[in-house]
PDB file of N, CA and C in Angstrom:
ATOM      1  N   MET A   1       7.619  17.756  -0.935  1.00  0.00           N
ATOM      2  CA  MET A   1       6.652  16.795  -0.461  1.00  0.00           C
ATOM      3  C   MET A   1       5.249  17.155  -0.939  1.00  0.00           C
ATOM      4  N   SER A   2       5.103  18.114  -1.801  1.00  0.00           N
ATOM      5  CA  SER A   2       3.785  18.508  -2.295  1.00  0.00           C
ATOM      6  C   SER A   2       3.139  17.427  -3.140  1.00  0.00           C
ATOM      7  N   ASN A   3       3.918  16.438  -3.589  1.00  0.00           N
ATOM      8  CA  ASN A   3       3.379  15.352  -4.396  1.00  0.00           C
ATOM      9  C   ASN A   3       2.760  14.255  -3.540  1.00  0.00           C
ATOM     10  N   LEU A   4       2.850  14.351  -2.218  1.00  0.00           N
ATOM     11  CA  LEU A   4       2.307  13.348  -1.314  1.00  0.00           C
ATOM     12  C   LEU A   4       0.819  13.604  -1.117  1.00  0.00           C
ATOM     13  N   SER A   5       0.010  12.644  -1.503  1.00  0.00           N
ATOM     14  CA  SER A   5      -1.431  12.774  -1.356  1.00  0.00           C
ATOM     15  C   SER A   5      -1.800  12.819   0.118  1.00  0.00           C
ATOM     16  N   THR A   6      -2.849  13.534   0.426  1.00  0.00           N
ATOM     17  CA  THR A   6      -3.288  13.643   1.815  1.00  0.00           C
ATOM     18  C   THR A   6      -3.755  12.309   2.368  1.00  0.00           C
ATOM     19  N   PHE A   7      -4.112  11.376   1.508  1.00  0.00           N
ATOM     20  CA  PHE A   7      -4.612  10.077   1.964  1.00  0.00           C
ATOM     21  C   PHE A   7      -3.528   9.009   2.034  1.00  0.00           C
ATOM     22  N   CYS A   8      -2.308   9.331   1.703  1.00  0.00           N
ATOM     23  CA  CYS A   8      -1.231   8.341   1.676  1.00  0.00           C
ATOM     24  C   CYS A   8      -0.955   7.815   3.084  1.00  0.00           C
ATOM     25  N   THR A   9      -1.008   6.494   3.243  1.00  0.00           N
ATOM     26  CA  THR A   9      -0.747   5.870   4.541  1.00  0.00           C
ATOM     27  C   THR A   9       0.537   5.049   4.537  1.00  0.00           C
ATOM     28  N   CYS A  10       1.250   5.057   3.446  1.00  0.00           N
ATOM     29  CA  CYS A  10       2.462   4.254   3.329  1.00  0.00           C
ATOM     30  C   CYS A  10       3.580   4.868   4.174  1.00  0.00           C
ATOM     31  N   THR A  11       4.219   4.036   4.962  1.00  0.00           N
ATOM     32  CA  THR A  11       5.331   4.499   5.792  1.00  0.00           C
ATOM     33  C   THR A  11       6.660   3.877   5.365  1.00  0.00           C
ATOM     34  N   ASN A  12       6.661   3.204   4.227  1.00  0.00           N
ATOM     35  CA  ASN A  12       7.887   2.593   3.707  1.00  0.00           C
ATOM     36  C   ASN A  12       8.663   3.647   2.918  1.00  0.00           C
ATOM     37  N   TYR A  13       9.261   4.577   3.634  1.00  0.00           N
ATOM     38  CA  TYR A  13       9.936   5.706   3.007  1.00  0.00           C
ATOM     39  C   TYR A  13      11.204   5.309   2.263  1.00  0.00           C
ATOM     40  N   LYS A  14      11.726   4.119   2.528  1.00  0.00           N
ATOM     41  CA  LYS A  14      12.920   3.643   1.824  1.00  0.00           C
ATOM     42  C   LYS A  14      12.592   3.150   0.419  1.00  0.00           C
ATOM     43  N   CYS A  15      11.325   2.879   0.155  1.00  0.00           N
ATOM     44  CA  CYS A  15      10.906   2.413  -1.168  1.00  0.00           C
ATOM     45  C   CYS A  15      11.120   3.528  -2.188  1.00  0.00           C
ATOM     46  N   LYS A  16      11.782   3.203  -3.280  1.00  0.00           N
ATOM     47  CA  LYS A  16      12.046   4.225  -4.305  1.00  0.00           C
ATOM     48  C   LYS A  16      10.758   4.717  -4.960  1.00  0.00           C
ATOM     49  N   LEU A  17       9.663   3.964  -4.830  1.00  0.00           N
ATOM     50  CA  LEU A  17       8.391   4.358  -5.429  1.00  0.00           C
ATOM     51  C   LEU A  17       7.520   5.196  -4.495  1.00  0.00           C
ATOM     52  N   HIS A  18       7.940   5.353  -3.250  1.00  0.00           N
ATOM     53  CA  HIS A  18       7.159   6.160  -2.306  1.00  0.00           C
ATOM     54  C   HIS A  18       7.088   7.594  -2.830  1.00  0.00           C
ATOM     55  N   PRO A  19       5.913   8.217  -2.766  1.00  0.00           N
ATOM     56  CA  PRO A  19       5.755   9.578  -3.297  1.00  0.00           C
ATOM     57  C   PRO A  19       6.728  10.611  -2.730  1.00  0.00           C
ATOM     58  N   ARG A  20       7.279  10.365  -1.566  1.00  0.00           N
ATOM     59  CA  ARG A  20       8.269  11.302  -1.006  1.00  0.00           C
ATOM     60  C   ARG A  20       9.574  11.291  -1.798  1.00  0.00           C
ATOM     61  N   ASN A  21       9.797  10.223  -2.562  1.00  0.00           N
ATOM     62  CA  ASN A  21      11.092  10.031  -3.207  1.00  0.00           C
ATOM     63  C   ASN A  21      11.142  10.432  -4.676  1.00  0.00           C
ATOM     64  N   HIS A  22      10.093  11.023  -5.184  1.00  0.00           N
ATOM     65  CA  HIS A  22      10.061  11.485  -6.577  1.00  0.00           C
ATOM     66  C   HIS A  22       8.901  12.464  -6.730  1.00  0.00           C
ATOM     67  N   ASP A  23       8.668  12.942  -7.934  1.00  0.00           N
ATOM     68  CA  ASP A  23       7.615  13.945  -8.149  1.00  0.00           C
ATOM     69  C   ASP A  23       6.451  13.421  -8.979  1.00  0.00           C
ATOM     70  N   LYS A  24       6.207  12.117  -8.958  1.00  0.00           N
ATOM     71  CA  LYS A  24       5.159  11.527  -9.799  1.00  0.00           C
ATOM     72  C   LYS A  24       3.970  10.998  -9.005  1.00  0.00           C
ATOM     73  N   GLY A  25       3.881  11.334  -7.723  1.00  0.00           N
ATOM     74  CA  GLY A  25       2.752  10.899  -6.907  1.00  0.00           C
ATOM     75  C   GLY A  25       2.684   9.381  -6.759  1.00  0.00           C
ATOM     76  N   CYS A  26       1.474   8.838  -6.786  1.00  0.00           N
ATOM     77  CA  CYS A  26       1.246   7.405  -6.576  1.00  0.00           C
ATOM     78  C   CYS A  26       1.408   6.566  -7.840  1.00  0.00           C
ATOM     79  N   ALA A  27       1.494   7.198  -8.993  1.00  0.00           N
ATOM     80  CA  ALA A  27       1.491   6.471 -10.269  1.00  0.00           C
ATOM     81  C   ALA A  27       2.556   5.375 -10.373  1.00  0.00           C
ATOM     82  N   PRO A  28       3.818   5.613 -10.013  1.00  0.00           N
ATOM     83  CA  PRO A  28       4.809   4.538 -10.136  1.00  0.00           C
ATOM     84  C   PRO A  28       4.493   3.322  -9.262  1.00  0.00           C
ATOM     85  N   CYS A  29       3.979   3.550  -8.087  1.00  0.00           N
ATOM     86  CA  CYS A  29       3.611   2.454  -7.190  1.00  0.00           C
ATOM     87  C   CYS A  29       2.453   1.654  -7.784  1.00  0.00           C
ATOM     88  N   ILE A  30       1.435   2.345  -8.245  1.00  0.00           N
ATOM     89  CA  ILE A  30       0.280   1.675  -8.852  1.00  0.00           C
ATOM     90  C   ILE A  30       0.725   0.882 -10.078  1.00  0.00           C
ATOM     91  N   GLU A  31       1.558   1.474 -10.909  1.00  0.00           N
ATOM     92  CA  GLU A  31       2.039   0.785 -12.110  1.00  0.00           C
ATOM     93  C   GLU A  31       2.795  -0.498 -11.753  1.00  0.00           C
ATOM     94  N   LYS A  32       3.676  -0.409 -10.780  1.00  0.00           N
ATOM     95  CA  LYS A  32       4.444  -1.582 -10.339  1.00  0.00           C
ATOM     96  C   LYS A  32       3.518  -2.671  -9.818  1.00  0.00           C
ATOM     97  N   ASN A  33       2.538  -2.276  -8.999  1.00  0.00           N
ATOM     98  CA  ASN A  33       1.624  -3.255  -8.419  1.00  0.00           C
ATOM     99  C   ASN A  33       0.723  -3.897  -9.465  1.00  0.00           C
ATOM    100  N   LEU A  34       0.324  -3.174 -10.460  1.00  0.00           N
ATOM    101  CA  LEU A  34      -0.465  -3.767 -11.546  1.00  0.00           C
ATOM    102  C   LEU A  34       0.359  -4.813 -12.294  1.00  0.00           C
ATOM    103  N   LYS A  35       1.627  -4.509 -12.529  1.00  0.00           N
ATOM    104  CA  LYS A  35       2.501  -5.452 -13.242  1.00  0.00           C
ATOM    105  C   LYS A  35       2.763  -6.720 -12.433  1.00  0.00           C
ATOM    106  N   THR A  36       2.882  -6.574 -11.123  1.00  0.00           N
ATOM    107  CA  THR A  36       3.216  -7.718 -10.271  1.00  0.00           C
ATOM    108  C   THR A  36       1.983  -8.386  -9.669  1.00  0.00           C
ATOM    109  N   LYS A  37       0.800  -7.896 -10.055  1.00  0.00           N
ATOM    110  CA  LYS A  37      -0.473  -8.432  -9.555  1.00  0.00           C
ATOM    111  C   LYS A  37      -0.522  -8.379  -8.021  1.00  0.00           C
ATOM    112  N   GLU A  38      -0.210  -7.199  -7.516  1.00  0.00           N
ATOM    113  CA  GLU A  38      -0.246  -6.939  -6.082  1.00  0.00           C
ATOM    114  C   GLU A  38      -1.052  -5.671  -5.825  1.00  0.00           C
ATOM    115  N   LEU A  39      -1.240  -5.359  -4.551  1.00  0.00           N
ATOM    116  CA  LEU A  39      -1.926  -4.143  -4.145  1.00  0.00           C
ATOM    117  C   LEU A  39      -0.958  -3.247  -3.373  1.00  0.00           C
ATOM    118  N   PRO A  40      -1.118  -1.940  -3.489  1.00  0.00           N
ATOM    119  CA  PRO A  40      -0.264  -1.017  -2.742  1.00  0.00           C
ATOM    120  C   PRO A  40      -0.503  -1.138  -1.231  1.00  0.00           C
ATOM    121  N   SER A  41       0.487  -0.763  -0.465  1.00  0.00           N
ATOM    122  CA  SER A  41       0.389  -0.818   1.001  1.00  0.00           C
ATOM    123  C   SER A  41      -0.796  -0.041   1.543  1.00  0.00           C
ATOM    124  N   CYS A  42      -1.161   1.043   0.892  1.00  0.00           N
ATOM    125  CA  CYS A  42      -2.252   1.872   1.416  1.00  0.00           C
ATOM    126  C   CYS A  42      -3.560   1.087   1.530  1.00  0.00           C
ATOM    127  N   TYR A  43      -3.775   0.095   0.673  1.00  0.00           N
ATOM    128  CA  TYR A  43      -4.977  -0.735   0.776  1.00  0.00           C
ATOM    129  C   TYR A  43      -4.906  -1.619   2.014  1.00  0.00           C
ATOM    130  N   PHE A  44      -3.748  -2.223   2.251  1.00  0.00           N
ATOM    131  CA  PHE A  44      -3.571  -3.087   3.419  1.00  0.00           C
ATOM    132  C   PHE A  44      -3.640  -2.284   4.714  1.00  0.00           C
ATOM    133  N   ASN A  45      -3.146  -1.063   4.683  1.00  0.00           N
ATOM    134  CA  ASN A  45      -3.079  -0.242   5.892  1.00  0.00           C
ATOM    135  C   ASN A  45      -4.441   0.164   6.431  1.00  0.00           C
ATOM    136  N   LEU A  46      -5.499  -0.168   5.724  1.00  0.00           N
ATOM    137  CA  LEU A  46      -6.852   0.082   6.217  1.00  0.00           C
ATOM    138  C   LEU A  46      -7.227  -0.882   7.341  1.00  0.00           C
ATOM    139  N   PHE A  47      -6.448  -1.953   7.512  1.00  0.00           N
ATOM    140  CA  PHE A  47      -6.789  -3.020   8.447  1.00  0.00           C
ATOM    141  C   PHE A  47      -5.792  -3.106   9.596  1.00  0.00           C
ATOM    142  N   GLU A  48      -6.309  -3.532  10.750  1.00  0.00           N
ATOM    143  CA  GLU A  48      -5.513  -3.584  11.974  1.00  0.00           C
ATOM    144  C   GLU A  48      -4.300  -4.500  11.870  1.00  0.00           C
ATOM    145  N   ASP A  49      -4.429  -5.631  11.227  1.00  0.00           N
ATOM    146  CA  ASP A  49      -3.349  -6.617  11.185  1.00  0.00           C
ATOM    147  C   ASP A  49      -2.533  -6.579   9.895  1.00  0.00           C
ATOM    148  N   ALA A  50      -2.469  -5.439   9.257  1.00  0.00           N
ATOM    149  CA  ALA A  50      -1.779  -5.327   7.966  1.00  0.00           C
ATOM    150  C   ALA A  50      -0.317  -5.748   8.046  1.00  0.00           C
ATOM    151  N   ASP A  51       0.321  -5.470   9.155  1.00  0.00           N
ATOM    152  CA  ASP A  51       1.747  -5.795   9.284  1.00  0.00           C
ATOM    153  C   ASP A  51       2.011  -7.299   9.411  1.00  0.00           C
ATOM    154  N   LYS A  52       0.963  -8.088   9.584  1.00  0.00           N
ATOM    155  CA  LYS A  52       1.113  -9.542   9.708  1.00  0.00           C
ATOM    156  C   LYS A  52       0.898 -10.277   8.388  1.00  0.00           C
ATOM    157  N   ARG A  53       0.643  -9.540   7.320  1.00  0.00           N
ATOM    158  CA  ARG A  53       0.356 -10.187   6.039  1.00  0.00           C
ATOM    159  C   ARG A  53       1.574 -10.917   5.490  1.00  0.00           C
ATOM    160  N   LYS A  54       1.301 -11.933   4.684  1.00  0.00           N
ATOM    161  CA  LYS A  54       2.361 -12.766   4.121  1.00  0.00           C
ATOM    162  C   LYS A  54       2.949 -12.164   2.853  1.00  0.00           C
ATOM    163  N   SER A  55       2.150 -11.363   2.152  1.00  0.00           N
ATOM    164  CA  SER A  55       2.602 -10.757   0.900  1.00  0.00           C
ATOM    165  C   SER A  55       1.705  -9.567   0.586  1.00  0.00           C
ATOM    166  N   ASP A  56       1.927  -8.954  -0.557  1.00  0.00           N
ATOM    167  CA  ASP A  56       1.073  -7.862  -1.024  1.00  0.00           C
ATOM    168  C   ASP A  56       0.117  -8.337  -2.115  1.00  0.00           C
ATOM    169  N   GLY A  57       0.001  -9.640  -2.278  1.00  0.00           N
ATOM    170  CA  GLY A  57      -0.839 -10.216  -3.320  1.00  0.00           C
ATOM    171  C   GLY A  57      -2.326 -10.140  -3.018  1.00  0.00           C
ATOM    172  N   PHE A  58      -3.111 -10.412  -4.033  1.00  0.00           N
ATOM    173  CA  PHE A  58      -4.567 -10.375  -3.911  1.00  0.00           C
ATOM    174  C   PHE A  58      -5.068 -11.356  -2.858  1.00  0.00           C
ATOM    175  N   GLU A  59      -4.488 -12.555  -2.834  1.00  0.00           N
ATOM    176  CA  GLU A  59      -4.921 -13.567  -1.876  1.00  0.00           C
ATOM    177  C   GLU A  59      -4.682 -13.102  -0.441  1.00  0.00           C
ATOM    178  N   ALA A  60      -3.539 -12.501  -0.199  1.00  0.00           N
ATOM    179  CA  ALA A  60      -3.226 -11.989   1.137  1.00  0.00           C
ATOM    180  C   ALA A  60      -4.197 -10.883   1.527  1.00  0.00           C
ATOM    181  N   PHE A  61      -4.579 -10.051   0.566  1.00  0.00           N
ATOM    182  CA  PHE A  61      -5.532  -8.990   0.855  1.00  0.00           C
ATOM    183  C   PHE A  61      -6.902  -9.571   1.191  1.00  0.00           C
ATOM    184  N   CYS A  62      -7.342 -10.550   0.415  1.00  0.00           N
ATOM    185  CA  CYS A  62      -8.636 -11.187   0.685  1.00  0.00           C
ATOM    186  C   CYS A  62      -8.652 -11.821   2.073  1.00  0.00           C
ATOM    187  N   GLU A  63      -7.562 -12.476   2.428  1.00  0.00           N
ATOM    188  CA  GLU A  63      -7.453 -13.095   3.753  1.00  0.00           C
ATOM    189  C   GLU A  63      -7.521 -12.036   4.850  1.00  0.00           C
ATOM    190  N   LEU A  64      -6.850 -10.924   4.639  1.00  0.00           N
ATOM    191  CA  LEU A  64      -6.868  -9.838   5.611  1.00  0.00           C
ATOM    192  C   LEU A  64      -8.275  -9.269   5.765  1.00  0.00           C
ATOM    193  N   VAL A  65      -8.972  -9.073   4.667  1.00  0.00           N
ATOM    194  CA  VAL A  65     -10.339  -8.548   4.705  1.00  0.00           C
ATOM    195  C   VAL A  65     -11.250  -9.486   5.491  1.00  0.00           C
ATOM    196  N   GLN A  66     -11.084 -10.772   5.283  1.00  0.00           N
ATOM    197  CA  GLN A  66     -11.943 -11.756   5.943  1.00  0.00           C
ATOM    198  C   GLN A  66     -11.623 -11.923   7.426  1.00  0.00           C
ATOM    199  N   ASN A  67     -10.371 -11.744   7.804  1.00  0.00           N
ATOM    200  CA  ASN A  67      -9.952 -12.098   9.160  1.00  0.00           C
ATOM    201  C   ASN A  67      -9.537 -10.934  10.048  1.00  0.00           C
ATOM    202  N   SER A  68      -9.669  -9.724   9.583  1.00  0.00           N
ATOM    203  CA  SER A  68      -9.220  -8.580  10.360  1.00  0.00           C
ATOM    204  C   SER A  68     -10.293  -7.500  10.359  1.00  0.00           C
ATOM    205  N   LYS A  69     -10.147  -6.566  11.271  1.00  0.00           N
ATOM    206  CA  LYS A  69     -11.087  -5.448  11.358  1.00  0.00           C
ATOM    207  C   LYS A  69     -10.474  -4.213  10.707  1.00  0.00           C
ATOM    208  N   CYS A  70     -11.332  -3.409  10.130  1.00  0.00           N
ATOM    209  CA  CYS A  70     -10.884  -2.124   9.595  1.00  0.00           C
ATOM    210  C   CYS A  70     -10.483  -1.215  10.748  1.00  0.00           C
ATOM    211  N   LYS A  71      -9.472  -0.400  10.515  1.00  0.00           N
ATOM    212  CA  LYS A  71      -9.097   0.598  11.513  1.00  0.00           C
ATOM    213  C   LYS A  71     -10.191   1.643  11.580  1.00  0.00           C
ATOM    214  N   GLU A  72     -10.334   2.212  12.719  1.00  0.00           N
ATOM    215  CA  GLU A  72     -11.359   3.250  12.898  1.00  0.00           C
ATOM    216  C   GLU A  72     -10.827   4.598  12.525  1.00  0.00           C
TER     217      GLU A  72
END
């Protein structure tokens, strides 16, 4: 688990791209999200209502930023 960044907030441990499941850190997740034009969960997890989002897309993130509060 030494490849897990101290700032990682992702709890989707079943995801094959989660840093717990390989030795490449966040790079595979970032690469996948760039290809699919989405944002990683760690960005959404900054907000209180992240679990209510419709998708991981840019539009969903913008909506979350506008309508939710940052976690303290």
